PDB file of N, CA and C in Angstrom:
ATOM      1  N   MET A   1      95.076 108.987 111.617  1.00  0.00           N
ATOM      2  CA  MET A   1      95.177 107.670 112.181  1.00  0.00           C
ATOM      3  C   MET A   1      96.656 107.294 112.251  1.00  0.00           C
ATOM      4  N   ILE A   2      97.032 106.626 113.331  1.00  0.00           N
ATOM      5  CA  ILE A   2      98.409 106.144 113.425  1.00  0.00           C
ATOM      6  C   ILE A   2      98.431 104.646 113.116  1.00  0.00           C
ATOM      7  N   PHE A   3      99.590 104.175 112.745  1.00  0.00           N
ATOM      8  CA  PHE A   3      99.763 102.814 112.252  1.00  0.00           C
ATOM      9  C   PHE A   3      99.261 101.754 113.235  1.00  0.00           C
ATOM     10  N   LYS A   4      99.528 101.943 114.529  1.00  0.00           N
ATOM     11  CA  LYS A   4      99.101 100.924 115.482  1.00  0.00           C
ATOM     12  C   LYS A   4      97.579 100.829 115.540  1.00  0.00           C
ATOM     13  N   ASP A   5      96.859 101.935 115.281  1.00  0.00           N
ATOM     14  CA  ASP A   5      95.393 101.889 115.216  1.00  0.00           C
ATOM     15  C   ASP A   5      94.927 101.057 114.029  1.00  0.00           C
ATOM     16  N   LEU A   6      95.606 101.198 112.912  1.00  0.00           N
ATOM     17  CA  LEU A   6      95.277 100.408 111.721  1.00  0.00           C
ATOM     18  C   LEU A   6      95.498  98.919 111.993  1.00  0.00           C
ATOM     19  N   LEU A   7      96.623  98.586 112.628  1.00  0.00           N
ATOM     20  CA  LEU A   7      96.904  97.180 112.955  1.00  0.00           C
ATOM     21  C   LEU A   7      95.816  96.612 113.864  1.00  0.00           C
ATOM     22  N   ASN A   8      95.408  97.386 114.862  1.00  0.00           N
ATOM     23  CA  ASN A   8      94.342  96.948 115.763  1.00  0.00           C
ATOM     24  C   ASN A   8      93.019  96.784 115.017  1.00  0.00           C
ATOM     25  N   HIS A   9      92.698  97.727 114.167  1.00  0.00           N
ATOM     26  CA  HIS A   9      91.445  97.706 113.420  1.00  0.00           C
ATOM     27  C   HIS A   9      91.309  96.428 112.590  1.00  0.00           C
ATOM     28  N   PHE A  10      92.401  96.011 111.964  1.00  0.00           N
ATOM     29  CA  PHE A  10      92.385  94.818 111.108  1.00  0.00           C
ATOM     30  C   PHE A  10      92.879  93.562 111.834  1.00  0.00           C
ATOM     31  N   SER A  11      93.119  93.673 113.142  1.00  0.00           N
ATOM     32  CA  SER A  11      93.595  92.538 113.962  1.00  0.00           C
ATOM     33  C   SER A  11      94.864  91.913 113.388  1.00  0.00           C
ATOM     34  N   ILE A  12      95.801  92.763 113.020  1.00  0.00           N
ATOM     35  CA  ILE A  12      97.106  92.311 112.518  1.00  0.00           C
ATOM     36  C   ILE A  12      98.069  92.291 113.695  1.00  0.00           C
ATOM     37  N   ALA A  13      98.588  91.113 114.006  1.00  0.00           N
ATOM     38  CA  ALA A  13      99.434  90.937 115.198  1.00  0.00           C
ATOM     39  C   ALA A  13     100.889  90.679 114.830  1.00  0.00           C
ATOM     40  N   GLU A  14     101.374  91.318 113.799  1.00  0.00           N
ATOM     41  CA  GLU A  14     102.769  91.164 113.365  1.00  0.00           C
ATOM     42  C   GLU A  14     103.644  92.217 114.038  1.00  0.00           C
ATOM     43  N   GLU A  15     104.942  91.970 114.079  1.00  0.00           N
ATOM     44  CA  GLU A  15     105.912  92.930 114.621  1.00  0.00           C
ATOM     45  C   GLU A  15     106.478  93.778 113.486  1.00  0.00           C
ATOM     46  N   PHE A  16     106.472  95.088 113.695  1.00  0.00           N
ATOM     47  CA  PHE A  16     107.020  96.038 112.734  1.00  0.00           C
ATOM     48  C   PHE A  16     108.058  96.892 113.442  1.00  0.00           C
ATOM     49  N   PRO A  17     108.909  97.598 112.689  1.00  0.00           N
ATOM     50  CA  PRO A  17     109.860  98.508 113.331  1.00  0.00           C
ATOM     51  C   PRO A  17     109.131  99.476 114.260  1.00  0.00           C
ATOM     52  N   GLU A  18     109.702  99.698 115.409  1.00  0.00           N
ATOM     53  CA  GLU A  18     109.060 100.462 116.479  1.00  0.00           C
ATOM     54  C   GLU A  18     108.568 101.838 116.021  1.00  0.00           C
ATOM     55  N   TYR A  19     109.356 102.546 115.229  1.00  0.00           N
ATOM     56  CA  TYR A  19     108.980 103.907 114.840  1.00  0.00           C
ATOM     57  C   TYR A  19     107.677 103.941 114.043  1.00  0.00           C
ATOM     58  N   LEU A  20     107.354 102.853 113.332  1.00  0.00           N
ATOM     59  CA  LEU A  20     106.161 102.842 112.489  1.00  0.00           C
ATOM     60  C   LEU A  20     104.861 102.904 113.283  1.00  0.00           C
ATOM     61  N   TYR A  21     104.862 102.405 114.506  1.00  0.00           N
ATOM     62  CA  TYR A  21     103.625 102.346 115.282  1.00  0.00           C
ATOM     63  C   TYR A  21     103.000 103.721 115.504  1.00  0.00           C
ATOM     64  N   GLU A  22     103.814 104.774 115.550  1.00  0.00           N
ATOM     65  CA  GLU A  22     103.318 106.139 115.749  1.00  0.00           C
ATOM     66  C   GLU A  22     103.247 106.936 114.448  1.00  0.00           C
ATOM     67  N   GLN A  23     103.582 106.310 113.327  1.00  0.00           N
ATOM     68  CA  GLN A  23     103.540 106.975 112.022  1.00  0.00           C
ATOM     69  C   GLN A  23     102.083 107.226 111.623  1.00  0.00           C
ATOM     70  N   THR A  24     101.793 108.416 111.109  1.00  0.00           N
ATOM     71  CA  THR A  24     100.418 108.724 110.694  1.00  0.00           C
ATOM     72  C   THR A  24     100.190 108.315 109.242  1.00  0.00           C
ATOM     73  N   PHE A  25      98.969 107.855 108.994  1.00  0.00           N
ATOM     74  CA  PHE A  25      98.536 107.470 107.656  1.00  0.00           C
ATOM     75  C   PHE A  25      97.118 107.987 107.448  1.00  0.00           C
ATOM     76  N   ASN A  26      96.703 108.037 106.211  1.00  0.00           N
ATOM     77  CA  ASN A  26      95.374 108.515 105.848  1.00  0.00           C
ATOM     78  C   ASN A  26      94.301 107.596 106.435  1.00  0.00           C
ATOM     79  N   ASP A  27      93.276 108.185 107.052  1.00  0.00           N
ATOM     80  CA  ASP A  27      92.170 107.426 107.646  1.00  0.00           C
ATOM     81  C   ASP A  27      91.415 106.579 106.631  1.00  0.00           C
ATOM     82  N   VAL A  28      91.534 106.893 105.358  1.00  0.00           N
ATOM     83  CA  VAL A  28      90.782 106.179 104.331  1.00  0.00           C
ATOM     84  C   VAL A  28      91.057 104.673 104.372  1.00  0.00           C
ATOM     85  N   PHE A  29      92.242 104.285 104.825  1.00  0.00           N
ATOM     86  CA  PHE A  29      92.586 102.857 104.855  1.00  0.00           C
ATOM     87  C   PHE A  29      91.713 102.066 105.835  1.00  0.00           C
ATOM     88  N   LEU A  30      91.142 102.726 106.833  1.00  0.00           N
ATOM     89  CA  LEU A  30      90.277 102.023 107.788  1.00  0.00           C
ATOM     90  C   LEU A  30      89.029 101.463 107.115  1.00  0.00           C
ATOM     91  N   ASP A  31      88.641 102.029 105.986  1.00  0.00           N
ATOM     92  CA  ASP A  31      87.475 101.553 105.241  1.00  0.00           C
ATOM     93  C   ASP A  31      87.853 100.594 104.121  1.00  0.00           C
ATOM     94  N   GLY A  32      89.116 100.241 104.038  1.00  0.00           N
ATOM     95  CA  GLY A  32      89.594  99.404 102.949  1.00  0.00           C
ATOM     96  C   GLY A  32      89.283  97.928 103.133  1.00  0.00           C
ATOM     97  N   GLU A  33      89.548  97.181 102.075  1.00  0.00           N
ATOM     98  CA  GLU A  33      89.422  95.719 102.070  1.00  0.00           C
ATOM     99  C   GLU A  33      90.812  95.142 102.307  1.00  0.00           C
ATOM    100  N   MET A  34      90.918  94.242 103.284  1.00  0.00           N
ATOM    101  CA  MET A  34      92.217  93.645 103.591  1.00  0.00           C
ATOM    102  C   MET A  34      92.264  92.210 103.089  1.00  0.00           C
ATOM    103  N   SER A  35      93.426  91.849 102.543  1.00  0.00           N
ATOM    104  CA  SER A  35      93.699  90.454 102.201  1.00  0.00           C
ATOM    105  C   SER A  35      95.043  90.083 102.812  1.00  0.00           C
ATOM    106  N   GLU A  36      95.239  88.793 103.045  1.00  0.00           N
ATOM    107  CA  GLU A  36      96.475  88.325 103.691  1.00  0.00           C
ATOM    108  C   GLU A  36      96.908  87.019 103.054  1.00  0.00           C
ATOM    109  N   GLU A  37      98.216  86.926 102.811  1.00  0.00           N
ATOM    110  CA  GLU A  37      98.798  85.691 102.305  1.00  0.00           C
ATOM    111  C   GLU A  37     100.234  85.600 102.801  1.00  0.00           C
ATOM    112  N   ASP A  38     100.548  84.517 103.491  1.00  0.00           N
ATOM    113  CA  ASP A  38     101.906  84.278 103.997  1.00  0.00           C
ATOM    114  C   ASP A  38     102.433  85.430 104.847  1.00  0.00           C
ATOM    115  N   ASN A  39     101.616  85.944 105.762  1.00  0.00           N
ATOM    116  CA  ASN A  39     101.987  87.055 106.641  1.00  0.00           C
ATOM    117  C   ASN A  39     102.330  88.337 105.888  1.00  0.00           C
ATOM    118  N   LYS A  40     101.786  88.475 104.699  1.00  0.00           N
ATOM    119  CA  LYS A  40     101.873  89.711 103.920  1.00  0.00           C
ATOM    120  C   LYS A  40     100.448  90.213 103.753  1.00  0.00           C
ATOM    121  N   TYR A  41     100.235  91.486 103.999  1.00  0.00           N
ATOM    122  CA  TYR A  41      98.904  92.059 104.018  1.00  0.00           C
ATOM    123  C   TYR A  41      98.778  93.142 102.957  1.00  0.00           C
ATOM    124  N   LYS A  42      97.570  93.260 102.427  1.00  0.00           N
ATOM    125  CA  LYS A  42      97.280  94.301 101.438  1.00  0.00           C
ATOM    126  C   LYS A  42      95.927  94.896 101.795  1.00  0.00           C
ATOM    127  N   ILE A  43      95.883  96.224 101.905  1.00  0.00           N
ATOM    128  CA  ILE A  43      94.643  96.950 102.171  1.00  0.00           C
ATOM    129  C   ILE A  43      94.403  97.863 100.976  1.00  0.00           C
ATOM    130  N   VAL A  44      93.208  97.766 100.399  1.00  0.00           N
ATOM    131  CA  VAL A  44      92.883  98.522  99.183  1.00  0.00           C
ATOM    132  C   VAL A  44      91.568  99.259  99.381  1.00  0.00           C
ATOM    133  N   ILE A  45      91.545 100.512  98.954  1.00  0.00           N
ATOM    134  CA  ILE A  45      90.324 101.324  98.987  1.00  0.00           C
ATOM    135  C   ILE A  45      90.326 102.220  97.746  1.00  0.00           C
ATOM    136  N   THR A  46      89.170 102.356  97.112  1.00  0.00           N
ATOM    137  CA  THR A  46      89.003 103.290  96.000  1.00  0.00           C
ATOM    138  C   THR A  46      88.082 104.405  96.472  1.00  0.00           C
ATOM    139  N   THR A  47      88.529 105.635  96.324  1.00  0.00           N
ATOM    140  CA  THR A  47      87.768 106.788  96.800  1.00  0.00           C
ATOM    141  C   THR A  47      86.758 107.245  95.752  1.00  0.00           C
ATOM    142  N   ARG A  48      85.928 108.194  96.149  1.00  0.00           N
ATOM    143  CA  ARG A  48      84.928 108.749  95.226  1.00  0.00           C
ATOM    144  C   ARG A  48      85.585 109.421  94.026  1.00  0.00           C
ATOM    145  N   GLN A  49      86.817 109.852  94.179  1.00  0.00           N
ATOM    146  CA  GLN A  49      87.525 110.504  93.067  1.00  0.00           C
ATOM    147  C   GLN A  49      88.222 109.477  92.173  1.00  0.00           C
ATOM    148  N   ASP A  50      87.877 108.186  92.325  1.00  0.00           N
ATOM    149  CA  ASP A  50      88.468 107.092  91.544  1.00  0.00           C
ATOM    150  C   ASP A  50      89.973 106.982  91.720  1.00  0.00           C
ATOM    151  N   VAL A  51      90.457 107.322  92.906  1.00  0.00           N
ATOM    152  CA  VAL A  51      91.855 107.093  93.252  1.00  0.00           C
ATOM    153  C   VAL A  51      91.892 105.796  94.062  1.00  0.00           C
ATOM    154  N   THR A  52      92.731 104.859  93.650  1.00  0.00           N
ATOM    155  CA  THR A  52      92.869 103.598  94.371  1.00  0.00           C
ATOM    156  C   THR A  52      94.106 103.676  95.247  1.00  0.00           C
ATOM    157  N   HIS A  53      93.895 103.585  96.558  1.00  0.00           N
ATOM    158  CA  HIS A  53      94.985 103.615  97.532  1.00  0.00           C
ATOM    159  C   HIS A  53      95.255 102.178  97.979  1.00  0.00           C
ATOM    160  N   GLN A  54      96.524 101.811  98.013  1.00  0.00           N
ATOM    161  CA  GLN A  54      96.916 100.480  98.455  1.00  0.00           C
ATOM    162  C   GLN A  54      97.993 100.595  99.525  1.00  0.00           C
ATOM    163  N   MET A  55      97.867  99.790 100.548  1.00  0.00           N
ATOM    164  CA  MET A  55      98.880  99.697 101.587  1.00  0.00           C
ATOM    165  C   MET A  55      99.343  98.247 101.639  1.00  0.00           C
ATOM    166  N   PHE A  56     100.641  98.040 101.464  1.00  0.00           N
ATOM    167  CA  PHE A  56     101.232  96.712 101.517  1.00  0.00           C
ATOM    168  C   PHE A  56     102.025  96.598 102.812  1.00  0.00           C
ATOM    169  N   LEU A  57     101.727  95.580 103.599  1.00  0.00           N
ATOM    170  CA  LEU A  57     102.405  95.353 104.874  1.00  0.00           C
ATOM    171  C   LEU A  57     103.132  94.021 104.805  1.00  0.00           C
ATOM    172  N   ASN A  58     104.446  94.084 104.922  1.00  0.00           N
ATOM    173  CA  ASN A  58     105.271  92.878 104.904  1.00  0.00           C
ATOM    174  C   ASN A  58     106.330  93.050 105.990  1.00  0.00           C
ATOM    175  N   PRO A  59     106.037  92.545 107.201  1.00  0.00           N
ATOM    176  CA  PRO A  59     106.900  92.839 108.343  1.00  0.00           C
ATOM    177  C   PRO A  59     108.354  92.408 108.184  1.00  0.00           C
ATOM    178  N   LEU A  60     108.659  91.455 107.331  1.00  0.00           N
ATOM    179  CA  LEU A  60     110.029  90.965 107.190  1.00  0.00           C
ATOM    180  C   LEU A  60     110.784  91.604 106.026  1.00  0.00           C
ATOM    181  N   ASP A  61     110.119  92.452 105.269  1.00  0.00           N
ATOM    182  CA  ASP A  61     110.719  93.052 104.087  1.00  0.00           C
ATOM    183  C   ASP A  61     111.640  94.218 104.456  1.00  0.00           C
ATOM    184  N   GLU A  62     112.514  94.584 103.543  1.00  0.00           N
ATOM    185  CA  GLU A  62     113.376  95.762 103.716  1.00  0.00           C
ATOM    186  C   GLU A  62     112.530  97.022 103.883  1.00  0.00           C
ATOM    187  N   PHE A  63     111.375  97.068 103.201  1.00  0.00           N
ATOM    188  CA  PHE A  63     110.408  98.152 103.326  1.00  0.00           C
ATOM    189  C   PHE A  63     109.096  97.537 103.816  1.00  0.00           C
ATOM    190  N   PRO A  64     108.893  97.465 105.137  1.00  0.00           N
ATOM    191  CA  PRO A  64     107.731  96.753 105.675  1.00  0.00           C
ATOM    192  C   PRO A  64     106.380  97.410 105.391  1.00  0.00           C
ATOM    193  N   VAL A  65     106.364  98.704 105.052  1.00  0.00           N
ATOM    194  CA  VAL A  65     105.117  99.385 104.704  1.00  0.00           C
ATOM    195  C   VAL A  65     105.328 100.142 103.397  1.00  0.00           C
ATOM    196  N   ILE A  66     104.440  99.871 102.437  1.00  0.00           N
ATOM    197  CA  ILE A  66     104.459 100.579 101.155  1.00  0.00           C
ATOM    198  C   ILE A  66     103.065 101.123 100.903  1.00  0.00           C
ATOM    199  N   ILE A  67     102.989 102.402 100.585  1.00  0.00           N
ATOM    200  CA  ILE A  67     101.738 103.064 100.233  1.00  0.00           C
ATOM    201  C   ILE A  67     101.819 103.404  98.747  1.00  0.00           C
ATOM    202  N   LEU A  68     100.795 103.030  98.006  1.00  0.00           N
ATOM    203  CA  LEU A  68     100.776 103.276  96.573  1.00  0.00           C
ATOM    204  C   LEU A  68      99.390 103.780  96.191  1.00  0.00           C
ATOM    205  N   SER A  69      99.330 104.888  95.489  1.00  0.00           N
ATOM    206  CA  SER A  69      98.061 105.440  95.019  1.00  0.00           C
ATOM    207  C   SER A  69      98.075 105.503  93.500  1.00  0.00           C
ATOM    208  N   GLU A  70      97.004 104.966  92.906  1.00  0.00           N
ATOM    209  CA  GLU A  70      96.854 105.025  91.453  1.00  0.00           C
ATOM    210  C   GLU A  70      95.787 106.047  91.128  1.00  0.00           C
ATOM    211  N   LEU A  71      96.177 107.045  90.347  1.00  0.00           N
ATOM    212  CA  LEU A  71      95.278 108.121  89.972  1.00  0.00           C
ATOM    213  C   LEU A  71      94.384 107.693  88.810  1.00  0.00           C
ATOM    214  N   PRO A  72      93.274 108.393  88.576  1.00  0.00           N
ATOM    215  CA  PRO A  72      92.364 108.008  87.497  1.00  0.00           C
ATOM    216  C   PRO A  72      93.034 107.932  86.119  1.00  0.00           C
ATOM    217  N   ASN A  73      94.107 108.697  85.915  1.00  0.00           N
ATOM    218  CA  ASN A  73      94.811 108.665  84.632  1.00  0.00           C
ATOM    219  C   ASN A  73      95.847 107.537  84.564  1.00  0.00           C
ATOM    220  N   GLY A  74      95.906 106.684  85.603  1.00  0.00           N
ATOM    221  CA  GLY A  74      96.806 105.530  85.602  1.00  0.00           C
ATOM    222  C   GLY A  74      98.176 105.790  86.189  1.00  0.00           C
ATOM    223  N   LEU A  75      98.497 107.025  86.515  1.00  0.00           N
ATOM    224  CA  LEU A  75      99.804 107.333  87.097  1.00  0.00           C
ATOM    225  C   LEU A  75      99.826 106.950  88.570  1.00  0.00           C
ATOM    226  N   LEU A  76     101.033 106.695  89.080  1.00  0.00           N
ATOM    227  CA  LEU A  76     101.214 106.217  90.449  1.00  0.00           C
ATOM    228  C   LEU A  76     102.046 107.185  91.270  1.00  0.00           C
ATOM    229  N   ASN A  77     101.770 107.216  92.582  1.00  0.00           N
ATOM    230  CA  ASN A  77     102.671 107.870  93.528  1.00  0.00           C
ATOM    231  C   ASN A  77     102.519 107.179  94.875  1.00  0.00           C
ATOM    232  N   GLY A  78     103.494 107.377  95.740  1.00  0.00           N
ATOM    233  CA  GLY A  78     103.430 106.738  97.040  1.00  0.00           C
ATOM    234  C   GLY A  78     104.731 106.845  97.794  1.00  0.00           C
ATOM    235  N   MET A  79     104.852 106.000  98.827  1.00  0.00           N
ATOM    236  CA  MET A  79     106.023 106.008  99.700  1.00  0.00           C
ATOM    237  C   MET A  79     106.330 104.590 100.162  1.00  0.00           C
ATOM    238  N   LYS A  80     107.614 104.325 100.345  1.00  0.00           N
ATOM    239  CA  LYS A  80     108.071 103.075 100.940  1.00  0.00           C
ATOM    240  C   LYS A  80     108.770 103.416 102.247  1.00  0.00           C
ATOM    241  N   PHE A  81     108.325 102.791 103.348  1.00  0.00           N
ATOM    242  CA  PHE A  81     108.887 103.042 104.664  1.00  0.00           C
ATOM    243  C   PHE A  81     109.831 101.907 105.027  1.00  0.00           C
ATOM    244  N   GLY A  82     111.100 102.256 105.293  1.00  0.00           N
ATOM    245  CA  GLY A  82     112.127 101.271 105.597  1.00  0.00           C
ATOM    246  C   GLY A  82     112.120 100.817 107.045  1.00  0.00           C
ATOM    247  N   ARG A  83     113.113 100.037 107.388  1.00  0.00           N
ATOM    248  CA  ARG A  83     113.232  99.467 108.722  1.00  0.00           C
ATOM    249  C   ARG A  83     113.676 100.503 109.760  1.00  0.00           C
ATOM    250  N   GLU A  84     114.316 101.580 109.304  1.00  0.00           N
ATOM    251  CA  GLU A  84     114.809 102.628 110.203  1.00  0.00           C
ATOM    252  C   GLU A  84     114.054 103.927 109.962  1.00  0.00           C
ATOM    253  N   LYS A  85     113.828 104.675 111.030  1.00  0.00           N
ATOM    254  CA  LYS A  85     113.166 105.973 110.896  1.00  0.00           C
ATOM    255  C   LYS A  85     113.974 106.855 109.946  1.00  0.00           C
ATOM    256  N   GLY A  86     113.285 107.509 109.049  1.00  0.00           N
ATOM    257  CA  GLY A  86     113.949 108.374 108.077  1.00  0.00           C
ATOM    258  C   GLY A  86     114.322 107.658 106.793  1.00  0.00           C
ATOM    259  N   GLN A  87     114.195 106.354 106.776  1.00  0.00           N
ATOM    260  CA  GLN A  87     114.495 105.570 105.570  1.00  0.00           C
ATOM    261  C   GLN A  87     113.202 105.486 104.743  1.00  0.00           C
ATOM    262  N   VAL A  88     112.958 106.534 103.972  1.00  0.00           N
ATOM    263  CA  VAL A  88     111.738 106.636 103.170  1.00  0.00           C
ATOM    264  C   VAL A  88     112.133 106.809 101.717  1.00  0.00           C
ATOM    265  N   THR A  89     111.468 106.087 100.850  1.00  0.00           N
ATOM    266  CA  THR A  89     111.670 106.211  99.406  1.00  0.00           C
ATOM    267  C   THR A  89     110.353 106.655  98.801  1.00  0.00           C
ATOM    268  N   TYR A  90     110.394 107.697  97.991  1.00  0.00           N
ATOM    269  CA  TYR A  90     109.177 108.198  97.346  1.00  0.00           C
ATOM    270  C   TYR A  90     108.995 107.517  95.992  1.00  0.00           C
ATOM    271  N   ILE A  91     107.766 107.147  95.723  1.00  0.00           N
ATOM    272  CA  ILE A  91     107.401 106.557  94.447  1.00  0.00           C
ATOM    273  C   ILE A  91     106.657 107.637  93.699  1.00  0.00           C
ATOM    274  N   ASN A  92     107.164 108.024  92.532  1.00  0.00           N
ATOM    275  CA  ASN A  92     106.537 109.105  91.793  1.00  0.00           C
ATOM    276  C   ASN A  92     106.602 108.813  90.310  1.00  0.00           C
ATOM    277  N   ASP A  93     105.453 108.439  89.760  1.00  0.00           N
ATOM    278  CA  ASP A  93     105.344 108.171  88.331  1.00  0.00           C
ATOM    279  C   ASP A  93     104.356 109.147  87.727  1.00  0.00           C
ATOM    280  N   LEU A  94     104.481 110.416  88.128  1.00  0.00           N
ATOM    281  CA  LEU A  94     103.550 111.443  87.650  1.00  0.00           C
ATOM    282  C   LEU A  94     104.091 112.150  86.421  1.00  0.00           C
TER     283      LEU A  94
END
């Protein structure tokens, strides 16, 4: 799934950096629960393997898309996508 499909699926009409619209993400987020507060969005899904995946969307932030996965043992990993293509920070608490 690409990012613009996710935005359409959840009817999110915010502006994000252009490169993100074609960025691929795990399809599992399409089945997630979305919440919104002050134009900040959070999509959460827990898989059968008890991994909780979270996607944070904040169009005005330095990192407008953050993916965070919590493993059954409580450890975290993920990625932060910046405003420019290639500006990616890995989150690794393994």
